[in-house]
Every structure is written in C-alpha cells, then in structure tokens.
PDB file of N, CA and C in Angstrom:
ATOM      1  N   LEU A   1      -7.491  13.883  10.949  1.00  0.00           N
ATOM      2  CA  LEU A   1      -8.208  13.091  11.946  1.00  0.00           C
ATOM      3  C   LEU A   1      -7.302  11.951  12.411  1.00  0.00           C
ATOM      4  N   GLN A   2      -7.142  11.834  13.691  1.00  0.00           N
ATOM      5  CA  GLN A   2      -6.286  10.790  14.237  1.00  0.00           C
ATOM      6  C   GLN A   2      -6.949   9.422  14.079  1.00  0.00           C
ATOM      7  N   PRO A   3      -6.152   8.378  13.809  1.00  0.00           N
ATOM      8  CA  PRO A   3      -6.714   7.041  13.576  1.00  0.00           C
ATOM      9  C   PRO A   3      -7.626   6.530  14.692  1.00  0.00           C
ATOM     10  N   ILE A   4      -7.404   6.938  15.912  1.00  0.00           N
ATOM     11  CA  ILE A   4      -8.254   6.458  17.008  1.00  0.00           C
ATOM     12  C   ILE A   4      -9.717   6.877  16.808  1.00  0.00           C
ATOM     13  N   TYR A   5      -9.957   7.916  16.028  1.00  0.00           N
ATOM     14  CA  TYR A   5     -11.308   8.424  15.779  1.00  0.00           C
ATOM     15  C   TYR A   5     -11.883   7.961  14.440  1.00  0.00           C
ATOM     16  N   TRP A   6     -11.152   7.130  13.701  1.00  0.00           N
ATOM     17  CA  TRP A   6     -11.618   6.674  12.396  1.00  0.00           C
ATOM     18  C   TRP A   6     -12.862   5.801  12.512  1.00  0.00           C
ATOM     19  N   SER A   7     -13.712   5.927  11.511  1.00  0.00           N
ATOM     20  CA  SER A   7     -14.882   5.058  11.371  1.00  0.00           C
ATOM     21  C   SER A   7     -14.457   3.810  10.586  1.00  0.00           C
ATOM     22  N   ARG A   8     -15.385   2.892  10.416  1.00  0.00           N
ATOM     23  CA  ARG A   8     -15.096   1.706   9.591  1.00  0.00           C
ATOM     24  C   ARG A   8     -14.752   2.120   8.164  1.00  0.00           C
ATOM     25  N   ASP A   9     -15.454   3.117   7.659  1.00  0.00           N
ATOM     26  CA  ASP A   9     -15.176   3.594   6.301  1.00  0.00           C
ATOM     27  C   ASP A   9     -13.779   4.191   6.199  1.00  0.00           C
ATOM     28  N   ASP A  10     -13.364   4.910   7.220  1.00  0.00           N
ATOM     29  CA  ASP A  10     -12.015   5.479   7.229  1.00  0.00           C
ATOM     30  C   ASP A  10     -10.959   4.376   7.204  1.00  0.00           C
ATOM     31  N   VAL A  11     -11.186   3.323   7.985  1.00  0.00           N
ATOM     32  CA  VAL A  11     -10.249   2.193   8.009  1.00  0.00           C
ATOM     33  C   VAL A  11     -10.182   1.552   6.628  1.00  0.00           C
ATOM     34  N   ALA A  12     -11.324   1.340   5.989  1.00  0.00           N
ATOM     35  CA  ALA A  12     -11.352   0.749   4.651  1.00  0.00           C
ATOM     36  C   ALA A  12     -10.602   1.631   3.658  1.00  0.00           C
ATOM     37  N   GLN A  13     -10.779   2.930   3.755  1.00  0.00           N
ATOM     38  CA  GLN A  13     -10.081   3.859   2.868  1.00  0.00           C
ATOM     39  C   GLN A  13      -8.571   3.790   3.105  1.00  0.00           C
ATOM     40  N   TRP A  14      -8.157   3.710   4.351  1.00  0.00           N
ATOM     41  CA  TRP A  14      -6.737   3.606   4.677  1.00  0.00           C
ATOM     42  C   TRP A  14      -6.141   2.308   4.122  1.00  0.00           C
ATOM     43  N   LEU A  15      -6.900   1.209   4.204  1.00  0.00           N
ATOM     44  CA  LEU A  15      -6.419  -0.060   3.658  1.00  0.00           C
ATOM     45  C   LEU A  15      -6.191   0.049   2.159  1.00  0.00           C
ATOM     46  N   ARG A  16      -7.122   0.694   1.440  1.00  0.00           N
ATOM     47  CA  ARG A  16      -6.956   0.872  -0.011  1.00  0.00           C
ATOM     48  C   ARG A  16      -5.716   1.728  -0.295  1.00  0.00           C
ATOM     49  N   TRP A  17      -5.518   2.774   0.503  1.00  0.00           N
ATOM     50  CA  TRP A  17      -4.336   3.630   0.342  1.00  0.00           C
ATOM     51  C   TRP A  17      -3.060   2.816   0.564  1.00  0.00           C
ATOM     52  N   ALA A  18      -3.027   2.014   1.626  1.00  0.00           N
ATOM     53  CA  ALA A  18      -1.832   1.217   1.954  1.00  0.00           C
ATOM     54  C   ALA A  18      -1.521   0.212   0.850  1.00  0.00           C
ATOM     55  N   GLU A  19      -2.552  -0.370   0.249  1.00  0.00           N
ATOM     56  CA  GLU A  19      -2.339  -1.304  -0.863  1.00  0.00           C
ATOM     57  C   GLU A  19      -1.569  -0.627  -1.986  1.00  0.00           C
ATOM     58  N   LYS A  20      -2.004   0.570  -2.341  1.00  0.00           N
ATOM     59  CA  LYS A  20      -1.366   1.299  -3.440  1.00  0.00           C
ATOM     60  C   LYS A  20       0.008   1.830  -3.048  1.00  0.00           C
ATOM     61  N   GLU A  21       0.102   2.406  -1.876  1.00  0.00           N
ATOM     62  CA  GLU A  21       1.346   3.031  -1.419  1.00  0.00           C
ATOM     63  C   GLU A  21       2.479   2.019  -1.280  1.00  0.00           C
ATOM     64  N   PHE A  22       2.158   0.815  -0.816  1.00  0.00           N
ATOM     65  CA  PHE A  22       3.181  -0.187  -0.533  1.00  0.00           C
ATOM     66  C   PHE A  22       3.125  -1.384  -1.475  1.00  0.00           C
ATOM     67  N   SER A  23       2.373  -1.250  -2.581  1.00  0.00           N
ATOM     68  CA  SER A  23       2.244  -2.314  -3.588  1.00  0.00           C
ATOM     69  C   SER A  23       1.862  -3.653  -2.954  1.00  0.00           C
ATOM     70  N   LEU A  24       0.867  -3.609  -2.084  1.00  0.00           N
ATOM     71  CA  LEU A  24       0.396  -4.820  -1.413  1.00  0.00           C
ATOM     72  C   LEU A  24      -0.624  -5.538  -2.280  1.00  0.00           C
ATOM     73  N   ARG A  25      -0.727  -6.816  -2.077  1.00  0.00           N
ATOM     74  CA  ARG A  25      -1.812  -7.556  -2.712  1.00  0.00           C
ATOM     75  C   ARG A  25      -3.120  -7.069  -2.093  1.00  0.00           C
ATOM     76  N   PRO A  26      -4.220  -7.200  -2.826  1.00  0.00           N
ATOM     77  CA  PRO A  26      -5.499  -6.723  -2.283  1.00  0.00           C
ATOM     78  C   PRO A  26      -5.807  -7.328  -0.915  1.00  0.00           C
ATOM     79  N   ILE A  27      -6.252  -6.468  -0.024  1.00  0.00           N
ATOM     80  CA  ILE A  27      -6.600  -6.869   1.333  1.00  0.00           C
ATOM     81  C   ILE A  27      -8.110  -7.025   1.408  1.00  0.00           C
ATOM     82  N   GLU A  28      -8.569  -8.142   1.929  1.00  0.00           N
ATOM     83  CA  GLU A  28     -10.006  -8.369   2.085  1.00  0.00           C
ATOM     84  C   GLU A  28     -10.530  -7.427   3.163  1.00  0.00           C
ATOM     85  N   SER A  29     -11.277  -6.428   2.749  1.00  0.00           N
ATOM     86  CA  SER A  29     -11.729  -5.423   3.712  1.00  0.00           C
ATOM     87  C   SER A  29     -12.684  -5.994   4.755  1.00  0.00           C
ATOM     88  N   ASN A  30     -13.364  -7.100   4.434  1.00  0.00           N
ATOM     89  CA  ASN A  30     -14.282  -7.668   5.427  1.00  0.00           C
ATOM     90  C   ASN A  30     -13.539  -8.252   6.628  1.00  0.00           C
ATOM     91  N   THR A  31     -12.245  -8.497   6.494  1.00  0.00           N
ATOM     92  CA  THR A  31     -11.470  -8.984   7.641  1.00  0.00           C
ATOM     93  C   THR A  31     -11.026  -7.835   8.542  1.00  0.00           C
ATOM     94  N   PHE A  32     -11.288  -6.612   8.091  1.00  0.00           N
ATOM     95  CA  PHE A  32     -10.933  -5.426   8.870  1.00  0.00           C
ATOM     96  C   PHE A  32     -12.148  -4.538   9.110  1.00  0.00           C
ATOM     97  N   GLU A  33     -13.313  -5.140   9.292  1.00  0.00           N
ATOM     98  CA  GLU A  33     -14.519  -4.359   9.577  1.00  0.00           C
ATOM     99  C   GLU A  33     -14.461  -3.893  11.025  1.00  0.00           C
ATOM    100  N   MET A  34     -13.761  -2.791  11.223  1.00  0.00           N
ATOM    101  CA  MET A  34     -13.548  -2.260  12.573  1.00  0.00           C
ATOM    102  C   MET A  34     -13.285  -0.773  12.477  1.00  0.00           C
ATOM    103  N   ASN A  35     -13.427  -0.109  13.590  1.00  0.00           N
ATOM    104  CA  ASN A  35     -13.115   1.316  13.623  1.00  0.00           C
ATOM    105  C   ASN A  35     -11.623   1.502  13.905  1.00  0.00           C
ATOM    106  N   GLY A  36     -11.196   2.733  13.941  1.00  0.00           N
ATOM    107  CA  GLY A  36      -9.784   3.028  14.137  1.00  0.00           C
ATOM    108  C   GLY A  36      -9.241   2.577  15.475  1.00  0.00           C
ATOM    109  N   LYS A  37     -10.044   2.695  16.517  1.00  0.00           N
ATOM    110  CA  LYS A  37      -9.585   2.272  17.842  1.00  0.00           C
ATOM    111  C   LYS A  37      -9.259   0.783  17.839  1.00  0.00           C
ATOM    112  N   ALA A  38     -10.131  -0.018  17.234  1.00  0.00           N
ATOM    113  CA  ALA A  38      -9.895  -1.464  17.149  1.00  0.00           C
ATOM    114  C   ALA A  38      -8.673  -1.764  16.279  1.00  0.00           C
ATOM    115  N   LEU A  39      -8.510  -1.017  15.193  1.00  0.00           N
ATOM    116  CA  LEU A  39      -7.345  -1.207  14.326  1.00  0.00           C
ATOM    117  C   LEU A  39      -6.052  -0.965  15.099  1.00  0.00           C
ATOM    118  N   LEU A  40      -6.034   0.069  15.906  1.00  0.00           N
ATOM    119  CA  LEU A  40      -4.833   0.390  16.677  1.00  0.00           C
ATOM    120  C   LEU A  40      -4.504  -0.672  17.725  1.00  0.00           C
ATOM    121  N   LEU A  41      -5.488  -1.439  18.137  1.00  0.00           N
ATOM    122  CA  LEU A  41      -5.256  -2.488  19.128  1.00  0.00           C
ATOM    123  C   LEU A  41      -4.696  -3.775  18.520  1.00  0.00           C
ATOM    124  N   LEU A  42      -4.706  -3.871  17.181  1.00  0.00           N
ATOM    125  CA  LEU A  42      -4.176  -5.066  16.532  1.00  0.00           C
ATOM    126  C   LEU A  42      -2.661  -5.136  16.694  1.00  0.00           C
ATOM    127  N   THR A  43      -2.176  -6.339  16.930  1.00  0.00           N
ATOM    128  CA  THR A  43      -0.730  -6.552  16.933  1.00  0.00           C
ATOM    129  C   THR A  43      -0.291  -6.835  15.497  1.00  0.00           C
ATOM    130  N   LYS A  44       0.996  -6.870  15.281  1.00  0.00           N
ATOM    131  CA  LYS A  44       1.534  -7.212  13.962  1.00  0.00           C
ATOM    132  C   LYS A  44       1.042  -8.605  13.552  1.00  0.00           C
ATOM    133  N   GLU A  45       1.025  -9.520  14.496  1.00  0.00           N
ATOM    134  CA  GLU A  45       0.559 -10.881  14.222  1.00  0.00           C
ATOM    135  C   GLU A  45      -0.928 -10.898  13.873  1.00  0.00           C
ATOM    136  N   ASP A  46      -1.727 -10.085  14.568  1.00  0.00           N
ATOM    137  CA  ASP A  46      -3.158  -9.973  14.256  1.00  0.00           C
ATOM    138  C   ASP A  46      -3.352  -9.495  12.819  1.00  0.00           C
ATOM    139  N   PHE A  47      -2.575  -8.485  12.438  1.00  0.00           N
ATOM    140  CA  PHE A  47      -2.699  -7.924  11.096  1.00  0.00           C
ATOM    141  C   PHE A  47      -2.328  -8.973  10.053  1.00  0.00           C
ATOM    142  N   ARG A  48      -1.239  -9.676  10.278  1.00  0.00           N
ATOM    143  CA  ARG A  48      -0.801 -10.713   9.332  1.00  0.00           C
ATOM    144  C   ARG A  48      -1.809 -11.851   9.242  1.00  0.00           C
ATOM    145  N   TYR A  49      -2.415 -12.218  10.358  1.00  0.00           N
ATOM    146  CA  TYR A  49      -3.420 -13.276  10.364  1.00  0.00           C
ATOM    147  C   TYR A  49      -4.620 -12.873   9.505  1.00  0.00           C
ATOM    148  N   ARG A  50      -5.014 -11.620   9.602  1.00  0.00           N
ATOM    149  CA  ARG A  50      -6.166 -11.128   8.850  1.00  0.00           C
ATOM    150  C   ARG A  50      -5.850 -10.917   7.371  1.00  0.00           C
ATOM    151  N   SER A  51      -4.585 -10.744   7.050  1.00  0.00           N
ATOM    152  CA  SER A  51      -4.188 -10.500   5.667  1.00  0.00           C
ATOM    153  C   SER A  51      -2.880 -11.225   5.356  1.00  0.00           C
ATOM    154  N   PRO A  52      -2.907 -12.544   5.319  1.00  0.00           N
ATOM    155  CA  PRO A  52      -1.674 -13.318   5.180  1.00  0.00           C
ATOM    156  C   PRO A  52      -0.934 -13.133   3.858  1.00  0.00           C
ATOM    157  N   HIS A  53      -1.622 -12.715   2.809  1.00  0.00           N
ATOM    158  CA  HIS A  53      -0.974 -12.595   1.501  1.00  0.00           C
ATOM    159  C   HIS A  53      -0.451 -11.196   1.215  1.00  0.00           C
ATOM    160  N   SER A  54      -0.668 -10.297   2.127  1.00  0.00           N
ATOM    161  CA  SER A  54      -0.198  -8.928   1.931  1.00  0.00           C
ATOM    162  C   SER A  54       1.022  -8.700   2.771  1.00  0.00           C
TER     163      SER A  54
END
C-alpha cells in the first residue's frame, strides 16, 4: 500500500518501525495523528519540529 493511502494507524505503525529500524528515540505518536497524505506533505523541518529528539 502506497503511503498516500495510509490511515492514521498505518502512519503510527510506520513511526514505530522507523524508531526500531533507525534506532530513534521514541516518537510521540500524538504529534503525528495524520493520514499518509498529510505525512507526505510534511517538510523535513515539519518532521523535526514534531519530533525534535529523534
């Protein structure tokens, strides 16, 4: 399934995967309560703002 079609649950699952895959600090999933289309619209700066410690 392409990310543009992801649900909020899919995005949350991807965040958990990314934490493990890249040894990231835990990401607050409530800062990413969005579907895949919204996730794809985030800039690098948007992502860092939402998860500054990761």
